[in-house]
């Protein structure tokens, strides 16, 4: 593979056939923050619904629930970290949303510990950052 020399703008005129169109850094950053916001929204939604329905009590009274959930979260993070460059976009999105859902289950216990108002404030403050 040979590359063309840089043009007068300092840009390379060579484009790989698999790369469709370049998006600006601003567009890429906006999409990234949108996905982070959606993950946070999913985490909050599952966490709050687990608290409001009382399922959090059932989930955390089940033997080995905490180690299993923690293990699943850790495995998901490791797979995402090690395979991020080889995963398809769909699989990476699925794993991210799966991780967000697992976080929601784990975070539902925090609604019991800290109260709904405090947790809503924390999630809202975090959401403002990703907005």
C-alpha atoms as a PDB file:
ATOM      1  CA  UNK A   1       0.000   0.000   0.000  1.00  0.00           C
ATOM      2  CA  UNK A   2       1.391   3.358  -0.920  1.00  0.00           C
ATOM      3  CA  UNK A   3       0.292   6.706   0.334  1.00  0.00           C
ATOM      4  CA  UNK A   4       0.168   9.881  -1.652  1.00  0.00           C
ATOM      5  CA  UNK A   5       2.210  12.798  -0.376  1.00  0.00           C
ATOM      6  CA  UNK A   6       0.551  15.464   1.700  1.00  0.00           C
ATOM      7  CA  UNK A   7      -1.097  18.245  -0.257  1.00  0.00           C
ATOM      8  CA  UNK A   8      -0.720  21.964   0.430  1.00  0.00           C
ATOM      9  CA  UNK A   9      -3.242  21.797   3.313  1.00  0.00           C
ATOM     10  CA  UNK A  10      -1.141  19.129   5.021  1.00  0.00           C
ATOM     11  CA  UNK A  11      -3.830  16.530   4.355  1.00  0.00           C
ATOM     12  CA  UNK A  12      -3.336  13.107   2.874  1.00  0.00           C
ATOM     13  CA  UNK A  13      -5.334  12.508  -0.315  1.00  0.00           C
ATOM     14  CA  UNK A  14      -5.397   8.752   0.249  1.00  0.00           C
ATOM     15  CA  UNK A  15      -8.644   7.275   1.527  1.00  0.00           C
ATOM     16  CA  UNK A  16      -9.095   3.634   2.394  1.00  0.00           C
ATOM     17  CA  UNK A  17     -11.957   2.034   0.453  1.00  0.00           C
ATOM     18  CA  UNK A  18     -13.624   0.964   3.721  1.00  0.00           C
ATOM     19  CA  UNK A  19     -13.785   4.527   5.047  1.00  0.00           C
ATOM     20  CA  UNK A  20     -16.954   6.130   3.719  1.00  0.00           C
ATOM     21  CA  UNK A  21     -16.994   9.748   4.722  1.00  0.00           C
ATOM     22  CA  UNK A  22     -15.188  11.655   7.370  1.00  0.00           C
ATOM     23  CA  UNK A  23     -17.238  13.428   9.966  1.00  0.00           C
ATOM     24  CA  UNK A  24     -16.062  16.452  11.816  1.00  0.00           C
ATOM     25  CA  UNK A  25     -14.670  16.173  15.316  1.00  0.00           C
ATOM     26  CA  UNK A  26     -17.700  18.064  16.589  1.00  0.00           C
ATOM     27  CA  UNK A  27     -20.119  15.590  15.005  1.00  0.00           C
ATOM     28  CA  UNK A  28     -18.171  12.640  16.364  1.00  0.00           C
ATOM     29  CA  UNK A  29     -18.057  14.157  19.849  1.00  0.00           C
ATOM     30  CA  UNK A  30     -21.787  14.939  19.760  1.00  0.00           C
ATOM     31  CA  UNK A  31     -22.581  11.327  18.814  1.00  0.00           C
ATOM     32  CA  UNK A  32     -20.339  10.033  21.585  1.00  0.00           C
ATOM     33  CA  UNK A  33     -22.011  12.251  24.198  1.00  0.00           C
ATOM     34  CA  UNK A  34     -25.435  11.174  22.910  1.00  0.00           C
ATOM     35  CA  UNK A  35     -24.525   7.500  23.433  1.00  0.00           C
ATOM     36  CA  UNK A  36     -23.196   8.300  26.901  1.00  0.00           C
ATOM     37  CA  UNK A  37     -26.434  10.144  27.699  1.00  0.00           C
ATOM     38  CA  UNK A  38     -28.518   7.186  26.455  1.00  0.00           C
ATOM     39  CA  UNK A  39     -26.451   4.780  28.568  1.00  0.00           C
ATOM     40  CA  UNK A  40     -26.937   6.998  31.613  1.00  0.00           C
ATOM     41  CA  UNK A  41     -30.668   7.222  30.927  1.00  0.00           C
ATOM     42  CA  UNK A  42     -30.891   3.422  30.678  1.00  0.00           C
ATOM     43  CA  UNK A  43     -28.929   3.008  33.913  1.00  0.00           C
ATOM     44  CA  UNK A  44     -31.197   5.488  35.713  1.00  0.00           C
ATOM     45  CA  UNK A  45     -34.387   3.980  34.278  1.00  0.00           C
ATOM     46  CA  UNK A  46     -33.523   0.443  35.297  1.00  0.00           C
ATOM     47  CA  UNK A  47     -32.168   1.550  38.673  1.00  0.00           C
ATOM     48  CA  UNK A  48     -35.251   3.601  39.519  1.00  0.00           C
ATOM     49  CA  UNK A  49     -37.726   1.009  38.251  1.00  0.00           C
ATOM     50  CA  UNK A  50     -35.950  -1.697  40.267  1.00  0.00           C
ATOM     51  CA  UNK A  51     -36.259   0.496  43.348  1.00  0.00           C
ATOM     52  CA  UNK A  52     -39.862   1.589  42.710  1.00  0.00           C
ATOM     53  CA  UNK A  53     -41.109  -1.935  42.002  1.00  0.00           C
ATOM     54  CA  UNK A  54     -39.270  -3.519  44.918  1.00  0.00           C
ATOM     55  CA  UNK A  55     -37.367  -5.906  42.649  1.00  0.00           C
ATOM     56  CA  UNK A  56     -34.122  -4.564  44.090  1.00  0.00           C
ATOM     57  CA  UNK A  57     -34.912  -6.297  47.372  1.00  0.00           C
ATOM     58  CA  UNK A  58     -35.576  -9.588  45.623  1.00  0.00           C
ATOM     59  CA  UNK A  59     -32.500  -9.319  43.410  1.00  0.00           C
ATOM     60  CA  UNK A  60     -30.097  -8.618  46.237  1.00  0.00           C
ATOM     61  CA  UNK A  61     -31.579 -11.237  48.575  1.00  0.00           C
ATOM     62  CA  UNK A  62     -30.832 -13.903  45.985  1.00  0.00           C
ATOM     63  CA  UNK A  63     -27.678 -15.813  46.932  1.00  0.00           C
ATOM     64  CA  UNK A  64     -24.644 -14.881  44.844  1.00  0.00           C
ATOM     65  CA  UNK A  65     -26.491 -12.014  43.092  1.00  0.00           C
ATOM     66  CA  UNK A  66     -23.820  -9.438  43.896  1.00  0.00           C
ATOM     67  CA  UNK A  67     -20.840 -11.577  42.774  1.00  0.00           C
ATOM     68  CA  UNK A  68     -22.659 -12.630  39.588  1.00  0.00           C
ATOM     69  CA  UNK A  69     -23.624  -9.061  38.679  1.00  0.00           C
ATOM     70  CA  UNK A  70     -20.137  -7.814  39.480  1.00  0.00           C
ATOM     71  CA  UNK A  71     -18.590 -10.599  37.419  1.00  0.00           C
ATOM     72  CA  UNK A  72     -20.858  -9.876  34.448  1.00  0.00           C
ATOM     73  CA  UNK A  73     -19.978  -6.184  34.604  1.00  0.00           C
ATOM     74  CA  UNK A  74     -16.271  -6.962  34.785  1.00  0.00           C
ATOM     75  CA  UNK A  75     -16.430  -9.431  31.885  1.00  0.00           C
ATOM     76  CA  UNK A  76     -18.381  -6.923  29.783  1.00  0.00           C
ATOM     77  CA  UNK A  77     -15.831  -4.186  30.453  1.00  0.00           C
ATOM     78  CA  UNK A  78     -12.924  -6.508  29.676  1.00  0.00           C
ATOM     79  CA  UNK A  79     -14.469  -7.677  26.388  1.00  0.00           C
ATOM     80  CA  UNK A  80     -15.203  -4.091  25.372  1.00  0.00           C
ATOM     81  CA  UNK A  81     -11.705  -2.964  26.308  1.00  0.00           C
ATOM     82  CA  UNK A  82      -9.814  -5.793  24.645  1.00  0.00           C
ATOM     83  CA  UNK A  83     -11.950  -6.160  21.513  1.00  0.00           C
ATOM     84  CA  UNK A  84     -13.107  -2.601  20.847  1.00  0.00           C
ATOM     85  CA  UNK A  85     -11.062  -2.302  17.647  1.00  0.00           C
ATOM     86  CA  UNK A  86     -12.349  -5.593  16.235  1.00  0.00           C
ATOM     87  CA  UNK A  87     -15.989  -5.528  17.373  1.00  0.00           C
ATOM     88  CA  UNK A  88     -18.681  -4.563  14.920  1.00  0.00           C
ATOM     89  CA  UNK A  89     -20.438  -1.313  15.680  1.00  0.00           C
ATOM     90  CA  UNK A  90     -23.646  -3.161  16.489  1.00  0.00           C
ATOM     91  CA  UNK A  91     -21.938  -5.510  18.940  1.00  0.00           C
ATOM     92  CA  UNK A  92     -20.070  -2.649  20.618  1.00  0.00           C
ATOM     93  CA  UNK A  93     -23.347  -0.760  21.040  1.00  0.00           C
ATOM     94  CA  UNK A  94     -25.064  -3.874  22.385  1.00  0.00           C
ATOM     95  CA  UNK A  95     -22.310  -4.477  24.929  1.00  0.00           C
ATOM     96  CA  UNK A  96     -22.387  -0.830  25.992  1.00  0.00           C
ATOM     97  CA  UNK A  97     -26.160  -0.923  26.509  1.00  0.00           C
ATOM     98  CA  UNK A  98     -25.858  -4.298  28.273  1.00  0.00           C
ATOM     99  CA  UNK A  99     -23.289  -2.778  30.610  1.00  0.00           C
ATOM    100  CA  UNK A 100     -25.575   0.218  31.213  1.00  0.00           C
ATOM    101  CA  UNK A 101     -28.447  -2.135  32.077  1.00  0.00           C
ATOM    102  CA  UNK A 102     -26.254  -4.124  34.473  1.00  0.00           C
ATOM    103  CA  UNK A 103     -25.190  -0.872  36.090  1.00  0.00           C
ATOM    104  CA  UNK A 104     -28.867   0.002  36.503  1.00  0.00           C
ATOM    105  CA  UNK A 105     -29.490  -3.221  38.414  1.00  0.00           C
ATOM    106  CA  UNK A 106     -26.487  -2.601  40.649  1.00  0.00           C
ATOM    107  CA  UNK A 107     -27.339   1.088  41.110  1.00  0.00           C
ATOM    108  CA  UNK A 108     -30.900   0.244  42.194  1.00  0.00           C
ATOM    109  CA  UNK A 109     -29.496  -0.596  45.620  1.00  0.00           C
ATOM    110  CA  UNK A 110     -28.149   2.958  45.867  1.00  0.00           C
ATOM    111  CA  UNK A 111     -31.714   4.286  45.667  1.00  0.00           C
ATOM    112  CA  UNK A 112     -32.371   2.430  48.924  1.00  0.00           C
ATOM    113  CA  UNK A 113     -29.155   3.630  50.520  1.00  0.00           C
ATOM    114  CA  UNK A 114     -29.202   7.317  49.565  1.00  0.00           C
ATOM    115  CA  UNK A 115     -32.825   8.094  48.713  1.00  0.00           C
ATOM    116  CA  UNK A 116     -34.579   8.969  45.503  1.00  0.00           C
ATOM    117  CA  UNK A 117     -34.044  12.736  45.665  1.00  0.00           C
ATOM    118  CA  UNK A 118     -30.277  12.429  46.073  1.00  0.00           C
ATOM    119  CA  UNK A 119     -29.995   9.866  43.282  1.00  0.00           C
ATOM    120  CA  UNK A 120     -32.111  11.952  40.934  1.00  0.00           C
ATOM    121  CA  UNK A 121     -29.865  14.939  41.618  1.00  0.00           C
ATOM    122  CA  UNK A 122     -26.735  12.867  40.947  1.00  0.00           C
ATOM    123  CA  UNK A 123     -28.092  11.441  37.686  1.00  0.00           C
ATOM    124  CA  UNK A 124     -29.366  14.869  36.572  1.00  0.00           C
ATOM    125  CA  UNK A 125     -26.000  16.491  37.258  1.00  0.00           C
ATOM    126  CA  UNK A 126     -24.261  13.750  35.305  1.00  0.00           C
ATOM    127  CA  UNK A 127     -26.792  14.033  32.444  1.00  0.00           C
ATOM    128  CA  UNK A 128     -26.121  17.762  32.165  1.00  0.00           C
ATOM    129  CA  UNK A 129     -22.478  16.938  31.556  1.00  0.00           C
ATOM    130  CA  UNK A 130     -23.378  14.611  28.659  1.00  0.00           C
ATOM    131  CA  UNK A 131     -26.070  16.906  27.231  1.00  0.00           C
END
